C-alpha atoms as a PDB file:
ATOM      1  CA  MET A   1      -0.278-115.947 -23.192  1.00  0.00           C
ATOM      2  CA  ARG A   2       2.128-118.400 -24.800  1.00  0.00           C
ATOM      3  CA  ILE A   3       1.943-118.405 -28.603  1.00  0.00           C
ATOM      4  CA  LEU A   4       3.356-121.018 -30.976  1.00  0.00           C
ATOM      5  CA  GLY A   5       4.197-119.433 -34.322  1.00  0.00           C
ATOM      6  CA  ILE A   6       4.663-121.751 -37.304  1.00  0.00           C
ATOM      7  CA  ASP A   7       6.129-121.053 -40.731  1.00  0.00           C
ATOM      8  CA  PRO A   8       5.297-124.267 -42.632  1.00  0.00           C
ATOM      9  CA  GLY A   9       7.614-125.774 -45.219  1.00  0.00           C
ATOM     10  CA  SER A  10       8.001-129.248 -46.698  1.00  0.00           C
ATOM     11  CA  ARG A  11      11.752-129.339 -45.957  1.00  0.00           C
ATOM     12  CA  THR A  12      12.146-126.772 -43.199  1.00  0.00           C
ATOM     13  CA  THR A  13       9.349-125.718 -40.878  1.00  0.00           C
ATOM     14  CA  GLY A  14      10.103-122.773 -38.632  1.00  0.00           C
ATOM     15  CA  TYR A  15       8.674-122.583 -35.139  1.00  0.00           C
ATOM     16  CA  ALA A  16       8.772-120.064 -32.329  1.00  0.00           C
ATOM     17  CA  VAL A  17       7.192-119.858 -28.911  1.00  0.00           C
ATOM     18  CA  VAL A  18       6.599-116.336 -27.644  1.00  0.00           C
ATOM     19  CA  ASP A  19       5.369-115.315 -24.212  1.00  0.00           C
ATOM     20  CA  ALA A  20       3.174-112.217 -24.365  1.00  0.00           C
ATOM     21  CA  GLN A  21       2.448-110.247 -21.187  1.00  0.00           C
ATOM     22  CA  GLY A  22       0.774-106.970 -22.060  1.00  0.00           C
ATOM     23  CA  ALA A  23       3.169-105.072 -24.318  1.00  0.00           C
ATOM     24  CA  THR A  24       6.126-107.297 -23.389  1.00  0.00           C
ATOM     25  CA  LEU A  25       7.119-110.077 -25.766  1.00  0.00           C
ATOM     26  CA  ARG A  26       9.760-112.669 -24.952  1.00  0.00           C
ATOM     27  CA  CYS A  27      11.008-115.515 -27.105  1.00  0.00           C
ATOM     28  CA  ALA A  28      10.903-118.750 -25.091  1.00  0.00           C
ATOM     29  CA  GLU A  29      12.393-120.765 -27.952  1.00  0.00           C
ATOM     30  CA  CYS A  30      12.676-120.717 -31.719  1.00  0.00           C
ATOM     31  CA  GLY A  31      14.171-122.989 -34.320  1.00  0.00           C
ATOM     32  CA  VAL A  32      13.380-125.244 -37.222  1.00  0.00           C
ATOM     33  CA  VAL A  33      12.160-128.749 -37.831  1.00  0.00           C
ATOM     34  CA  ALA A  34      14.405-129.718 -40.741  1.00  0.00           C
ATOM     35  CA  VAL A  35      13.948-132.911 -42.726  1.00  0.00           C
ATOM     36  CA  SER A  36      15.999-134.466 -45.491  1.00  0.00           C
ATOM     37  CA  ALA A  37      14.930-133.559 -49.008  1.00  0.00           C
ATOM     38  CA  ARG A  38      15.893-137.113 -49.991  1.00  0.00           C
ATOM     39  CA  LEU A  39      13.030-138.597 -48.006  1.00  0.00           C
ATOM     40  CA  PRO A  40       9.717-139.208 -49.737  1.00  0.00           C
ATOM     41  CA  LEU A  41       7.121-136.533 -48.991  1.00  0.00           C
ATOM     42  CA  GLU A  42       5.079-138.740 -46.672  1.00  0.00           C
ATOM     43  CA  ARG A  43       8.133-139.375 -44.455  1.00  0.00           C
ATOM     44  CA  ARG A  44       9.041-135.669 -44.410  1.00  0.00           C
ATOM     45  CA  LEU A  45       5.494-134.793 -43.357  1.00  0.00           C
ATOM     46  CA  ALA A  46       5.566-137.442 -40.611  1.00  0.00           C
ATOM     47  CA  GLU A  47       8.852-136.039 -39.278  1.00  0.00           C
ATOM     48  CA  ILE A  48       7.446-132.506 -39.296  1.00  0.00           C
ATOM     49  CA  LEU A  49       4.354-133.704 -37.428  1.00  0.00           C
ATOM     50  CA  ASN A  50       6.442-135.531 -34.833  1.00  0.00           C
ATOM     51  CA  GLY A  51       8.781-132.553 -34.397  1.00  0.00           C
ATOM     52  CA  LEU A  52       5.924-130.104 -33.888  1.00  0.00           C
ATOM     53  CA  ARG A  53       4.182-132.455 -31.464  1.00  0.00           C
ATOM     54  CA  GLU A  54       7.368-132.667 -29.374  1.00  0.00           C
ATOM     55  CA  ILE A  55       7.633-128.873 -29.327  1.00  0.00           C
ATOM     56  CA  VAL A  56       4.004-128.507 -28.240  1.00  0.00           C
ATOM     57  CA  ASP A  57       4.392-131.192 -25.548  1.00  0.00           C
ATOM     58  CA  GLU A  58       7.545-129.575 -24.171  1.00  0.00           C
ATOM     59  CA  LEU A  59       6.681-125.865 -24.384  1.00  0.00           C
ATOM     60  CA  ARG A  60       2.905-126.027 -23.805  1.00  0.00           C
ATOM     61  CA  PRO A  61       1.632-123.065 -25.861  1.00  0.00           C
ATOM     62  CA  ASP A  62      -1.884-121.690 -25.338  1.00  0.00           C
ATOM     63  CA  VAL A  63      -2.601-121.010 -29.025  1.00  0.00           C
ATOM     64  CA  ALA A  64      -0.982-121.476 -32.417  1.00  0.00           C
ATOM     65  CA  ALA A  65      -0.514-118.944 -35.208  1.00  0.00           C
ATOM     66  CA  VAL A  66       0.319-120.247 -38.676  1.00  0.00           C
ATOM     67  CA  GLU A  67       1.372-118.392 -41.776  1.00  0.00           C
ATOM     68  CA  ASP A  68      -1.125-118.701 -44.616  1.00  0.00           C
ATOM     69  CA  ILE A  69      -0.053-120.046 -47.962  1.00  0.00           C
ATOM     70  CA  PHE A  70       1.031-117.488 -50.497  1.00  0.00           C
ATOM     71  CA  HIS A  71       1.215-118.014 -54.240  1.00  0.00           C
ATOM     72  CA  ALA A  72       4.042-120.373 -55.091  1.00  0.00           C
ATOM     73  CA  VAL A  73       6.286-120.553 -58.122  1.00  0.00           C
ATOM     74  CA  ASN A  74       4.612-123.715 -59.350  1.00  0.00           C
ATOM     75  CA  ALA A  75       1.697-125.986 -58.527  1.00  0.00           C
ATOM     76  CA  ARG A  76       3.895-128.787 -57.145  1.00  0.00           C
ATOM     77  CA  SER A  77       5.546-126.382 -54.679  1.00  0.00           C
ATOM     78  CA  ALA A  78       2.167-124.994 -53.639  1.00  0.00           C
ATOM     79  CA  LEU A  79       0.826-128.499 -53.051  1.00  0.00           C
ATOM     80  CA  ALA A  80       3.826-129.534 -50.920  1.00  0.00           C
ATOM     81  CA  LEU A  81       3.569-126.308 -48.918  1.00  0.00           C
ATOM     82  CA  GLY A  82      -0.151-126.872 -48.415  1.00  0.00           C
ATOM     83  CA  GLN A  83       0.507-130.386 -47.171  1.00  0.00           C
ATOM     84  CA  ALA A  84       3.137-129.126 -44.716  1.00  0.00           C
ATOM     85  CA  ARG A  85       0.670-126.497 -43.518  1.00  0.00           C
ATOM     86  CA  GLY A  86      -1.920-129.237 -43.049  1.00  0.00           C
ATOM     87  CA  VAL A  87       0.524-131.177 -40.878  1.00  0.00           C
ATOM     88  CA  ALA A  88       1.119-128.049 -38.772  1.00  0.00           C
ATOM     89  CA  LEU A  89      -2.635-127.629 -38.349  1.00  0.00           C
ATOM     90  CA  ALA A  90      -2.940-131.310 -37.405  1.00  0.00           C
ATOM     91  CA  ALA A  91      -0.203-130.979 -34.760  1.00  0.00           C
ATOM     92  CA  ALA A  92      -2.033-128.003 -33.249  1.00  0.00           C
ATOM     93  CA  GLY A  93      -5.369-129.811 -33.500  1.00  0.00           C
ATOM     94  CA  ILE A  94      -4.042-132.929 -31.758  1.00  0.00           C
ATOM     95  CA  ALA A  95      -2.896-130.687 -28.896  1.00  0.00           C
ATOM     96  CA  GLY A  96      -6.295-128.971 -28.736  1.00  0.00           C
ATOM     97  CA  LEU A  97      -4.859-125.563 -29.655  1.00  0.00           C
ATOM     98  CA  THR A  98      -6.928-122.878 -31.319  1.00  0.00           C
ATOM     99  CA  VAL A  99      -5.223-121.899 -34.579  1.00  0.00           C
ATOM    100  CA  TYR A 100      -5.070-118.423 -36.085  1.00  0.00           C
ATOM    101  CA  ALA A 101      -3.841-117.859 -39.647  1.00  0.00           C
ATOM    102  CA  TYR A 102      -2.171-114.764 -41.063  1.00  0.00           C
ATOM    103  CA  PRO A 103      -1.183-113.988 -44.660  1.00  0.00           C
ATOM    104  CA  PRO A 104       2.504-113.132 -45.211  1.00  0.00           C
ATOM    105  CA  SER A 105       1.725-109.500 -46.076  1.00  0.00           C
ATOM    106  CA  VAL A 106      -0.190-109.029 -42.799  1.00  0.00           C
ATOM    107  CA  VAL A 107       2.720-110.547 -40.856  1.00  0.00           C
ATOM    108  CA  LYS A 108       5.236-108.256 -42.561  1.00  0.00           C
ATOM    109  CA  GLN A 109       2.996-105.233 -41.968  1.00  0.00           C
ATOM    110  CA  ALA A 110       2.554-106.075 -38.286  1.00  0.00           C
ATOM    111  CA  VAL A 111       6.261-106.588 -37.657  1.00  0.00           C
ATOM    112  CA  THR A 112       7.916-103.977 -39.882  1.00  0.00           C
ATOM    113  CA  GLY A 113       5.127-101.564 -40.768  1.00  0.00           C
ATOM    114  CA  ARG A 114       5.499-102.526 -44.428  1.00  0.00           C
ATOM    115  CA  GLY A 115       3.594-105.364 -46.152  1.00  0.00           C
ATOM    116  CA  ARG A 116       6.358-105.893 -48.695  1.00  0.00           C
ATOM    117  CA  ALA A 117       9.298-106.014 -46.281  1.00  0.00           C
ATOM    118  CA  THR A 118      12.247-108.270 -47.049  1.00  0.00           C
ATOM    119  CA  LYS A 119      13.103-111.364 -45.017  1.00  0.00           C
ATOM    120  CA  ASP A 120      16.127-109.518 -43.593  1.00  0.00           C
ATOM    121  CA  GLN A 121      13.951-106.634 -42.414  1.00  0.00           C
ATOM    122  CA  VAL A 122      11.529-109.054 -40.767  1.00  0.00           C
ATOM    123  CA  ALA A 123      14.381-110.926 -39.045  1.00  0.00           C
ATOM    124  CA  ARG A 124      15.923-107.713 -37.707  1.00  0.00           C
ATOM    125  CA  MET A 125      12.617-106.452 -36.351  1.00  0.00           C
ATOM    126  CA  VAL A 126      11.580-109.676 -34.621  1.00  0.00           C
ATOM    127  CA  ARG A 127      15.019-109.866 -33.019  1.00  0.00           C
ATOM    128  CA  LEU A 128      14.414-106.430 -31.514  1.00  0.00           C
ATOM    129  CA  LEU A 129      10.773-107.050 -30.610  1.00  0.00           C
ATOM    130  CA  VAL A 130      11.420-110.244 -28.624  1.00  0.00           C
ATOM    131  CA  GLY A 131      14.815-109.317 -27.194  1.00  0.00           C
ATOM    132  CA  LEU A 132      17.166-111.685 -28.993  1.00  0.00           C
ATOM    133  CA  THR A 133      20.855-110.791 -29.216  1.00  0.00           C
ATOM    134  CA  ARG A 134      21.084-111.982 -32.824  1.00  0.00           C
ATOM    135  CA  ALA A 135      18.675-112.745 -35.611  1.00  0.00           C
ATOM    136  CA  PRO A 136      17.527-116.361 -35.795  1.00  0.00           C
ATOM    137  CA  ARG A 137      17.591-118.547 -38.904  1.00  0.00           C
ATOM    138  CA  ALA A 138      15.198-117.274 -41.615  1.00  0.00           C
ATOM    139  CA  ASP A 139      12.431-119.854 -41.100  1.00  0.00           C
ATOM    140  CA  ALA A 140      12.558-119.395 -37.315  1.00  0.00           C
ATOM    141  CA  ALA A 141      12.444-115.603 -37.769  1.00  0.00           C
ATOM    142  CA  ASP A 142       9.346-115.997 -39.954  1.00  0.00           C
ATOM    143  CA  ALA A 143       7.708-118.147 -37.263  1.00  0.00           C
ATOM    144  CA  LEU A 144       8.593-115.515 -34.652  1.00  0.00           C
ATOM    145  CA  ALA A 145       7.000-112.875 -36.861  1.00  0.00           C
ATOM    146  CA  VAL A 146       3.778-114.920 -37.060  1.00  0.00           C
ATOM    147  CA  ALA A 147       3.699-115.299 -33.256  1.00  0.00           C
ATOM    148  CA  VAL A 148       4.380-111.571 -32.774  1.00  0.00           C
ATOM    149  CA  THR A 149       1.598-110.743 -35.228  1.00  0.00           C
ATOM    150  CA  HIS A 150      -0.845-112.831 -33.227  1.00  0.00           C
ATOM    151  CA  ALA A 151       0.259-111.194 -29.965  1.00  0.00           C
ATOM    152  CA  GLN A 152      -0.333-107.750 -31.472  1.00  0.00           C
ATOM    153  CA  ARG A 153      -3.713-108.737 -32.922  1.00  0.00           C
ATOM    154  CA  GLN A 154      -4.802-110.307 -29.638  1.00  0.00           C
ATOM    155  CA  LYS A 155      -3.809-107.165 -27.743  1.00  0.00           C
ATOM    156  CA  TRP A 156      -5.948-105.076 -30.118  1.00  0.00           C
ATOM    157  CA  ARG A 157      -8.906-107.443 -29.700  1.00  0.00           C
ATOM    158  CA  LEU A 158      -8.717-107.103 -25.914  1.00  0.00           C
ATOM    159  CA  ALA A 159      -8.371-103.308 -25.989  1.00  0.00           C
END
């Protein structure tokens, strides 16, 4: 199964594509769709949509896993994050992908064994779990963690 993991953000959206074969996980690609903070929100969202659509067209995932929104520092940040998440859902929907959502604490628990793990702990663990030689950028590591979480959950559902 090929899983697209997405960590939505209004300036930087992390993505990762993980191939899951039984207990083996391999990172096919991970990175970020970064947009200029100087652009108006509607242009940033359009660029995120276009970037994710290109990734889906090129890497052809079977499903998508997206991180749920957590409480934000302020309402404006939460709204922008929600809009970026909506764009990620739209990109998956356009491609006909089934989308699974996971709260941040569930992702951290699945990857590190601790629901309150730090970003560094998550990055180190996903690097080991998918066989990377070095930890990816933070947003890409978060997207990898979401994809790994889905792979683990799917394995449990099939068992």
